[in-house]
Amino acid sequence: MSNFSVGFRSSGGVTILDLNGELDAHTASELEAAIQKCKDDKLVQIVVNGDQLKYISSAGLGVFMAYIEEVRELGGDIKIASLQPKVFNVFDLLGFPLLFDIVDEEKEAVLKFENGASA
């Protein structure tokens, strides 16, 4: 079984999800539940911090695709920050930088929300 966890933090009105471990078909439901909780709580300015994310599979990527439109319809966005190079390469290979705001550092993503850049 893969080791994976999602931590919740906030910075102002921005919710930060800290991903830790390996996000795959066995653990994708944990990320799904975390994003759904954010939606349910009307916390739709979401930064996903991937600093401790070691691996992502297509199932993990699918969670992002499943929720991005709903979050944006609610006036928010999902920004992705601090990905390790090999994880970023997976996002990049599949064209995620065209659909998601992917930045080098968490604080940069938070500032974009604070400055009103939703997408």
C-alpha atoms as a PDB file:
ATOM      1  CA  MET A   1       0.000   0.000   0.000  1.00  0.00           C
ATOM      2  CA  SER A   2       1.230   3.477  -0.864  1.00  0.00           C
ATOM      3  CA  ASN A   3       2.020   6.065   1.770  1.00  0.00           C
ATOM      4  CA  PHE A   4       0.080   9.246   1.176  1.00  0.00           C
ATOM      5  CA  SER A   5      -1.450  12.023   3.250  1.00  0.00           C
ATOM      6  CA  VAL A   6      -3.100  15.405   2.731  1.00  0.00           C
ATOM      7  CA  GLY A   7      -2.615  18.150   5.293  1.00  0.00           C
ATOM      8  CA  PHE A   8      -4.798  21.258   5.551  1.00  0.00           C
ATOM      9  CA  ARG A   9      -3.503  24.767   6.350  1.00  0.00           C
ATOM     10  CA  SER A  10      -4.724  28.245   5.570  1.00  0.00           C
ATOM     11  CA  SER A  11      -3.079  31.514   4.685  1.00  0.00           C
ATOM     12  CA  GLY A  12      -5.625  34.300   4.806  1.00  0.00           C
ATOM     13  CA  GLY A  13      -8.518  33.155   2.629  1.00  0.00           C
ATOM     14  CA  VAL A  14      -6.397  30.573   0.820  1.00  0.00           C
ATOM     15  CA  THR A  15      -6.554  26.887   1.706  1.00  0.00           C
ATOM     16  CA  ILE A  16      -3.286  25.001   1.330  1.00  0.00           C
ATOM     17  CA  LEU A  17      -3.297  21.257   0.801  1.00  0.00           C
ATOM     18  CA  ASP A  18       0.063  19.672   1.605  1.00  0.00           C
ATOM     19  CA  LEU A  19       0.500  16.449  -0.357  1.00  0.00           C
ATOM     20  CA  ASN A  20       2.910  13.940   1.110  1.00  0.00           C
ATOM     21  CA  GLY A  21       3.998  10.633  -0.412  1.00  0.00           C
ATOM     22  CA  GLU A  22       2.681   8.774  -3.443  1.00  0.00           C
ATOM     23  CA  LEU A  23      -0.569   9.767  -5.126  1.00  0.00           C
ATOM     24  CA  ASP A  24      -1.885   6.818  -7.103  1.00  0.00           C
ATOM     25  CA  ALA A  25      -5.056   4.784  -7.700  1.00  0.00           C
ATOM     26  CA  HIS A  26      -5.024   3.558  -4.085  1.00  0.00           C
ATOM     27  CA  THR A  27      -4.649   7.012  -2.547  1.00  0.00           C
ATOM     28  CA  ALA A  28      -6.426   9.321  -5.028  1.00  0.00           C
ATOM     29  CA  SER A  29      -9.621   9.116  -2.964  1.00  0.00           C
ATOM     30  CA  GLU A  30      -7.836  10.958  -0.121  1.00  0.00           C
ATOM     31  CA  LEU A  31      -7.080  13.939  -2.377  1.00  0.00           C
ATOM     32  CA  GLU A  32     -10.608  13.738  -3.777  1.00  0.00           C
ATOM     33  CA  ALA A  33     -12.065  13.894  -0.256  1.00  0.00           C
ATOM     34  CA  ALA A  34      -9.819  16.853   0.636  1.00  0.00           C
ATOM     35  CA  ILE A  35     -10.871  18.892  -2.403  1.00  0.00           C
ATOM     36  CA  GLN A  36     -14.526  17.957  -1.868  1.00  0.00           C
ATOM     37  CA  LYS A  37     -14.268  19.155   1.751  1.00  0.00           C
ATOM     38  CA  CYS A  38     -12.849  22.461   0.531  1.00  0.00           C
ATOM     39  CA  LYS A  39     -15.757  22.798  -1.891  1.00  0.00           C
ATOM     40  CA  ASP A  40     -18.322  21.878   0.765  1.00  0.00           C
ATOM     41  CA  ASP A  41     -16.818  24.466   3.121  1.00  0.00           C
ATOM     42  CA  LYS A  42     -16.800  27.100   0.318  1.00  0.00           C
ATOM     43  CA  LEU A  43     -13.004  27.272   0.461  1.00  0.00           C
ATOM     44  CA  VAL A  44     -12.330  27.457  -3.265  1.00  0.00           C
ATOM     45  CA  GLN A  45      -9.023  29.325  -3.335  1.00  0.00           C
ATOM     46  CA  ILE A  46      -6.858  26.222  -3.149  1.00  0.00           C
ATOM     47  CA  VAL A  47      -3.090  25.877  -3.342  1.00  0.00           C
ATOM     48  CA  VAL A  48      -1.768  22.340  -3.645  1.00  0.00           C
ATOM     49  CA  ASN A  49       1.753  22.175  -2.215  1.00  0.00           C
ATOM     50  CA  GLY A  50       3.607  19.276  -3.818  1.00  0.00           C
ATOM     51  CA  ASP A  51       6.929  19.774  -2.036  1.00  0.00           C
ATOM     52  CA  GLN A  52       6.632  16.336  -0.361  1.00  0.00           C
ATOM     53  CA  LEU A  53       4.815  14.603  -3.235  1.00  0.00           C
ATOM     54  CA  LYS A  54       7.124  11.830  -4.418  1.00  0.00           C
ATOM     55  CA  TYR A  55       5.017  10.280  -7.184  1.00  0.00           C
ATOM     56  CA  ILE A  56       1.781  10.884  -9.079  1.00  0.00           C
ATOM     57  CA  SER A  57      -0.104   8.476 -11.338  1.00  0.00           C
ATOM     58  CA  SER A  58      -2.809   9.135 -13.903  1.00  0.00           C
ATOM     59  CA  ALA A  59      -5.412   8.461 -11.200  1.00  0.00           C
ATOM     60  CA  GLY A  60      -3.951  11.289  -9.110  1.00  0.00           C
ATOM     61  CA  LEU A  61      -3.904  13.634 -12.093  1.00  0.00           C
ATOM     62  CA  GLY A  62      -7.514  12.687 -12.778  1.00  0.00           C
ATOM     63  CA  VAL A  63      -8.581  14.107  -9.402  1.00  0.00           C
ATOM     64  CA  PHE A  64      -7.310  17.532 -10.433  1.00  0.00           C
ATOM     65  CA  MET A  65      -9.177  17.309 -13.737  1.00  0.00           C
ATOM     66  CA  ALA A  66     -12.357  16.151 -12.017  1.00  0.00           C
ATOM     67  CA  TYR A  67     -12.551  19.193  -9.750  1.00  0.00           C
ATOM     68  CA  ILE A  68     -10.993  22.141 -11.569  1.00  0.00           C
ATOM     69  CA  GLU A  69     -14.100  23.144 -13.505  1.00  0.00           C
ATOM     70  CA  GLU A  70     -16.372  22.908 -10.449  1.00  0.00           C
ATOM     71  CA  VAL A  71     -13.971  24.974  -8.328  1.00  0.00           C
ATOM     72  CA  ARG A  72     -13.676  27.629 -11.028  1.00  0.00           C
ATOM     73  CA  GLU A  73     -17.469  27.768 -11.418  1.00  0.00           C
ATOM     74  CA  LEU A  74     -17.604  28.621  -7.702  1.00  0.00           C
ATOM     75  CA  GLY A  75     -15.244  31.544  -8.292  1.00  0.00           C
ATOM     76  CA  GLY A  76     -12.063  29.841  -7.138  1.00  0.00           C
ATOM     77  CA  ASP A  77      -9.116  28.007  -8.595  1.00  0.00           C
ATOM     78  CA  ILE A  78      -6.629  25.251  -7.839  1.00  0.00           C
ATOM     79  CA  LYS A  79      -3.029  26.415  -8.079  1.00  0.00           C
ATOM     80  CA  ILE A  80      -0.171  23.932  -7.843  1.00  0.00           C
ATOM     81  CA  ALA A  81       3.124  24.838  -6.184  1.00  0.00           C
ATOM     82  CA  SER A  82       6.514  23.445  -5.197  1.00  0.00           C
ATOM     83  CA  LEU A  83       6.522  20.296  -7.318  1.00  0.00           C
ATOM     84  CA  GLN A  84       9.632  18.162  -7.353  1.00  0.00           C
ATOM     85  CA  PRO A  85      11.173  18.026 -10.857  1.00  0.00           C
ATOM     86  CA  LYS A  86      10.182  14.437 -11.650  1.00  0.00           C
ATOM     87  CA  VAL A  87       6.587  15.076 -10.531  1.00  0.00           C
ATOM     88  CA  PHE A  88       6.450  18.347 -12.486  1.00  0.00           C
ATOM     89  CA  ASN A  89       7.613  16.450 -15.585  1.00  0.00           C
ATOM     90  CA  VAL A  90       4.508  14.240 -15.378  1.00  0.00           C
ATOM     91  CA  PHE A  91       2.243  17.307 -15.133  1.00  0.00           C
ATOM     92  CA  ASP A  92       4.160  18.978 -17.973  1.00  0.00           C
ATOM     93  CA  LEU A  93       4.110  15.933 -20.249  1.00  0.00           C
ATOM     94  CA  LEU A  94       0.317  15.824 -20.047  1.00  0.00           C
ATOM     95  CA  GLY A  95      -0.154  19.540 -20.693  1.00  0.00           C
ATOM     96  CA  PHE A  96      -1.245  20.555 -17.188  1.00  0.00           C
ATOM     97  CA  PRO A  97       0.636  23.904 -17.310  1.00  0.00           C
ATOM     98  CA  LEU A  98      -1.856  24.985 -19.996  1.00  0.00           C
ATOM     99  CA  LEU A  99      -4.817  24.238 -17.700  1.00  0.00           C
ATOM    100  CA  PHE A 100      -3.437  24.965 -14.229  1.00  0.00           C
ATOM    101  CA  ASP A 101      -1.352  27.708 -12.706  1.00  0.00           C
ATOM    102  CA  ILE A 102       1.787  25.808 -11.658  1.00  0.00           C
ATOM    103  CA  VAL A 103       4.345  27.893  -9.778  1.00  0.00           C
ATOM    104  CA  ASP A 104       7.699  27.281  -8.122  1.00  0.00           C
ATOM    105  CA  GLU A 105       6.783  28.364  -4.593  1.00  0.00           C
ATOM    106  CA  GLU A 106       3.700  28.243  -2.396  1.00  0.00           C
ATOM    107  CA  LYS A 107       3.970  31.914  -1.457  1.00  0.00           C
ATOM    108  CA  GLU A 108       3.800  32.862  -5.145  1.00  0.00           C
ATOM    109  CA  ALA A 109       0.500  30.978  -5.543  1.00  0.00           C
ATOM    110  CA  VAL A 110      -0.944  32.534  -2.373  1.00  0.00           C
ATOM    111  CA  LEU A 111       0.060  36.015  -3.587  1.00  0.00           C
ATOM    112  CA  LYS A 112      -1.691  35.418  -6.902  1.00  0.00           C
ATOM    113  CA  PHE A 113      -4.926  34.735  -5.036  1.00  0.00           C
ATOM    114  CA  GLU A 114      -4.405  37.747  -2.759  1.00  0.00           C
ATOM    115  CA  ASN A 115      -3.810  39.941  -5.809  1.00  0.00           C
ATOM    116  CA  GLY A 116      -7.015  38.718  -7.443  1.00  0.00           C
ATOM    117  CA  ALA A 117      -5.603  36.425 -10.114  1.00  0.00           C
ATOM    118  CA  SER A 118      -8.006  33.504 -10.055  1.00  0.00           C
ATOM    119  CA  ALA A 119      -6.810  31.757 -13.214  1.00  0.00           C
END
